[in-house]
Amino acid sequence: MGETIKAVAVTGDGSLQIEARSRPAPGPGEVLLDIKAAGVNRGDLMQRKGLYPPPPGAPPTMGLEAVGVIAETGEGVTGWSPGDRVGALIAGGCYVAAPVGEKFQHARNRPR
């Protein structure tokens, strides 16, 4: 395994555990976030119970909202740079140290 990150995973009995996973790379139109804080909302709680499946193409890791700093940008990303502080509402993947964000029109710059 190359560079790793920590991710929160749901086990078969619904409990949570921290796992090491390969660090993802941002694809075209995506960014990699260094997550500073992640929210827990109803969707997350329902996914943990198996009652709210993630949408097709969503990361396997739970977590729908986070704030953090852009670590890397994928090809074609404009208007965003590593170091920008952002908040994100995405289809999943916020319960990790550095998830790949969805197409970046969903994020907003935080005033400095």
C-alpha atoms as a PDB file:
ATOM      1  CA  MET A   1       0.000   0.000   0.000  1.00  0.00           C
ATOM      2  CA  GLY A   2       1.366   3.469  -0.886  1.00  0.00           C
ATOM      3  CA  GLU A   3       0.684   6.509   1.269  1.00  0.00           C
ATOM      4  CA  THR A   4      -2.158   5.755   3.678  1.00  0.00           C
ATOM      5  CA  ILE A   5      -4.907   7.686   5.400  1.00  0.00           C
ATOM      6  CA  LYS A   6      -7.200   6.813   8.291  1.00  0.00           C
ATOM      7  CA  ALA A   7     -10.876   6.178   7.575  1.00  0.00           C
ATOM      8  CA  VAL A   8     -13.877   5.355   9.747  1.00  0.00           C
ATOM      9  CA  ALA A   9     -15.535   2.149   8.555  1.00  0.00           C
ATOM     10  CA  VAL A  10     -18.816   0.532   9.548  1.00  0.00           C
ATOM     11  CA  THR A  11     -18.426  -3.135  10.508  1.00  0.00           C
ATOM     12  CA  GLY A  12     -20.984  -5.866   9.892  1.00  0.00           C
ATOM     13  CA  ASP A  13     -22.572  -5.318  13.312  1.00  0.00           C
ATOM     14  CA  GLY A  14     -22.895  -1.553  12.746  1.00  0.00           C
ATOM     15  CA  SER A  15     -20.020  -0.524  15.007  1.00  0.00           C
ATOM     16  CA  LEU A  16     -17.353   1.893  13.818  1.00  0.00           C
ATOM     17  CA  GLN A  17     -13.640   1.228  13.513  1.00  0.00           C
ATOM     18  CA  ILE A  18     -10.646   3.131  12.155  1.00  0.00           C
ATOM     19  CA  GLU A  19      -8.924   1.542   9.159  1.00  0.00           C
ATOM     20  CA  ALA A  20      -5.864   2.387   7.092  1.00  0.00           C
ATOM     21  CA  ARG A  21      -6.632   2.933   3.403  1.00  0.00           C
ATOM     22  CA  SER A  22      -4.669   4.029   0.360  1.00  0.00           C
ATOM     23  CA  ARG A  23      -4.601   7.796  -0.075  1.00  0.00           C
ATOM     24  CA  PRO A  24      -6.833   8.671  -3.023  1.00  0.00           C
ATOM     25  CA  ALA A  25      -5.854  10.995  -5.843  1.00  0.00           C
ATOM     26  CA  PRO A  26      -8.262  13.611  -7.171  1.00  0.00           C
ATOM     27  CA  GLY A  27      -9.728  12.859 -10.586  1.00  0.00           C
ATOM     28  CA  PRO A  28     -10.590  15.421 -13.261  1.00  0.00           C
ATOM     29  CA  GLY A  29     -12.723  18.208 -11.784  1.00  0.00           C
ATOM     30  CA  GLU A  30     -12.153  16.962  -8.221  1.00  0.00           C
ATOM     31  CA  VAL A  31     -10.090  18.063  -5.244  1.00  0.00           C
ATOM     32  CA  LEU A  32      -8.441  16.214  -2.374  1.00  0.00           C
ATOM     33  CA  LEU A  33      -9.329  17.691   1.016  1.00  0.00           C
ATOM     34  CA  ASP A  34      -7.352  17.604   4.218  1.00  0.00           C
ATOM     35  CA  ILE A  35     -10.376  17.232   6.510  1.00  0.00           C
ATOM     36  CA  LYS A  36     -10.259  19.311   9.695  1.00  0.00           C
ATOM     37  CA  ALA A  37     -13.791  18.481  10.936  1.00  0.00           C
ATOM     38  CA  ALA A  38     -16.683  16.360   9.672  1.00  0.00           C
ATOM     39  CA  GLY A  39     -20.351  16.636  10.582  1.00  0.00           C
ATOM     40  CA  VAL A  40     -22.651  13.830  11.601  1.00  0.00           C
ATOM     41  CA  ASN A  41     -26.145  14.151  10.170  1.00  0.00           C
ATOM     42  CA  ARG A  42     -29.257  12.041   9.740  1.00  0.00           C
ATOM     43  CA  GLY A  43     -28.049  10.612   6.423  1.00  0.00           C
ATOM     44  CA  ASP A  44     -24.889   9.324   8.112  1.00  0.00           C
ATOM     45  CA  LEU A  45     -26.886   7.708  10.912  1.00  0.00           C
ATOM     46  CA  MET A  46     -29.257   6.067   8.421  1.00  0.00           C
ATOM     47  CA  GLN A  47     -26.325   4.774   6.309  1.00  0.00           C
ATOM     48  CA  ARG A  48     -24.767   3.241   9.412  1.00  0.00           C
ATOM     49  CA  LYS A  49     -28.018   1.317   9.985  1.00  0.00           C
ATOM     50  CA  GLY A  50     -28.114   0.219   6.330  1.00  0.00           C
ATOM     51  CA  LEU A  51     -31.281   2.231   5.635  1.00  0.00           C
ATOM     52  CA  TYR A  52     -29.861   4.931   3.337  1.00  0.00           C
ATOM     53  CA  PRO A  53     -27.615   3.564   0.577  1.00  0.00           C
ATOM     54  CA  PRO A  54     -24.977   5.886  -0.868  1.00  0.00           C
ATOM     55  CA  PRO A  55     -25.692   7.066  -4.421  1.00  0.00           C
ATOM     56  CA  PRO A  56     -23.977   5.314  -7.348  1.00  0.00           C
ATOM     57  CA  GLY A  57     -20.312   6.307  -7.610  1.00  0.00           C
ATOM     58  CA  ALA A  58     -20.086   7.621  -4.032  1.00  0.00           C
ATOM     59  CA  PRO A  59     -17.037   6.669  -1.968  1.00  0.00           C
ATOM     60  CA  PRO A  60     -17.488   3.617   0.284  1.00  0.00           C
ATOM     61  CA  THR A  61     -16.692   5.698   3.377  1.00  0.00           C
ATOM     62  CA  MET A  62     -19.495   7.505   5.210  1.00  0.00           C
ATOM     63  CA  GLY A  63     -19.567  11.241   5.804  1.00  0.00           C
ATOM     64  CA  LEU A  64     -21.550  13.808   3.866  1.00  0.00           C
ATOM     65  CA  GLU A  65     -20.221  17.136   5.161  1.00  0.00           C
ATOM     66  CA  ALA A  66     -16.843  18.501   6.179  1.00  0.00           C
ATOM     67  CA  VAL A  67     -14.600  21.525   6.412  1.00  0.00           C
ATOM     68  CA  GLY A  68     -10.938  21.445   5.537  1.00  0.00           C
ATOM     69  CA  VAL A  69      -8.117  22.638   3.336  1.00  0.00           C
ATOM     70  CA  ILE A  70      -7.539  21.715  -0.288  1.00  0.00           C
ATOM     71  CA  ALA A  71      -4.489  19.432  -0.431  1.00  0.00           C
ATOM     72  CA  GLU A  72      -4.473  18.757  -4.196  1.00  0.00           C
ATOM     73  CA  THR A  73      -6.505  19.636  -7.264  1.00  0.00           C
ATOM     74  CA  GLY A  74      -7.347  17.355 -10.171  1.00  0.00           C
ATOM     75  CA  GLU A  75      -7.052  18.173 -13.834  1.00  0.00           C
ATOM     76  CA  GLY A  76      -9.359  20.937 -15.010  1.00  0.00           C
ATOM     77  CA  VAL A  77     -10.041  22.458 -11.578  1.00  0.00           C
ATOM     78  CA  THR A  78      -9.964  26.252 -11.794  1.00  0.00           C
ATOM     79  CA  GLY A  79     -10.553  28.889  -9.145  1.00  0.00           C
ATOM     80  CA  TRP A  80      -9.327  26.617  -6.321  1.00  0.00           C
ATOM     81  CA  SER A  81      -5.800  26.005  -5.097  1.00  0.00           C
ATOM     82  CA  PRO A  82      -4.019  23.925  -2.478  1.00  0.00           C
ATOM     83  CA  GLY A  83      -4.299  25.769   0.822  1.00  0.00           C
ATOM     84  CA  ASP A  84      -7.812  27.159   0.179  1.00  0.00           C
ATOM     85  CA  ARG A  85     -10.117  26.610   3.163  1.00  0.00           C
ATOM     86  CA  VAL A  86     -13.495  25.166   2.206  1.00  0.00           C
ATOM     87  CA  GLY A  87     -16.702  23.613   3.431  1.00  0.00           C
ATOM     88  CA  ALA A  88     -18.147  20.715   1.445  1.00  0.00           C
ATOM     89  CA  LEU A  89     -21.402  18.790   1.190  1.00  0.00           C
ATOM     90  CA  ILE A  90     -20.663  15.670  -0.861  1.00  0.00           C
ATOM     91  CA  ALA A  91     -22.091  12.198  -1.566  1.00  0.00           C
ATOM     92  CA  GLY A  92     -19.745  10.501   0.918  1.00  0.00           C
ATOM     93  CA  GLY A  93     -16.173  10.094   2.058  1.00  0.00           C
ATOM     94  CA  CYS A  94     -15.831  12.765   4.760  1.00  0.00           C
ATOM     95  CA  TYR A  95     -14.951  10.319   7.548  1.00  0.00           C
ATOM     96  CA  VAL A  96     -11.352  10.053   6.347  1.00  0.00           C
ATOM     97  CA  ALA A  97      -8.200  12.066   6.736  1.00  0.00           C
ATOM     98  CA  ALA A  98      -8.233  13.209   3.077  1.00  0.00           C
ATOM     99  CA  PRO A  99     -11.178  12.201   0.848  1.00  0.00           C
ATOM    100  CA  VAL A 100     -11.615  13.034  -2.781  1.00  0.00           C
ATOM    101  CA  GLY A 101     -14.335  15.648  -3.099  1.00  0.00           C
ATOM    102  CA  GLU A 102     -17.017  15.603  -5.788  1.00  0.00           C
ATOM    103  CA  LYS A 103     -17.038  18.029  -8.645  1.00  0.00           C
ATOM    104  CA  PHE A 104     -16.040  21.185  -6.890  1.00  0.00           C
ATOM    105  CA  GLN A 105     -18.970  23.460  -7.682  1.00  0.00           C
ATOM    106  CA  HIS A 106     -20.396  22.284  -4.330  1.00  0.00           C
ATOM    107  CA  ALA A 107     -17.652  23.855  -2.199  1.00  0.00           C
ATOM    108  CA  ARG A 108     -17.419  27.464  -1.101  1.00  0.00           C
ATOM    109  CA  ASN A 109     -14.438  29.547  -0.043  1.00  0.00           C
ATOM    110  CA  ARG A 110     -14.441  30.619   3.578  1.00  0.00           C
ATOM    111  CA  PRO A 111     -13.611  34.310   4.045  1.00  0.00           C
ATOM    112  CA  ARG A 112     -10.103  34.834   5.364  1.00  0.00           C
END
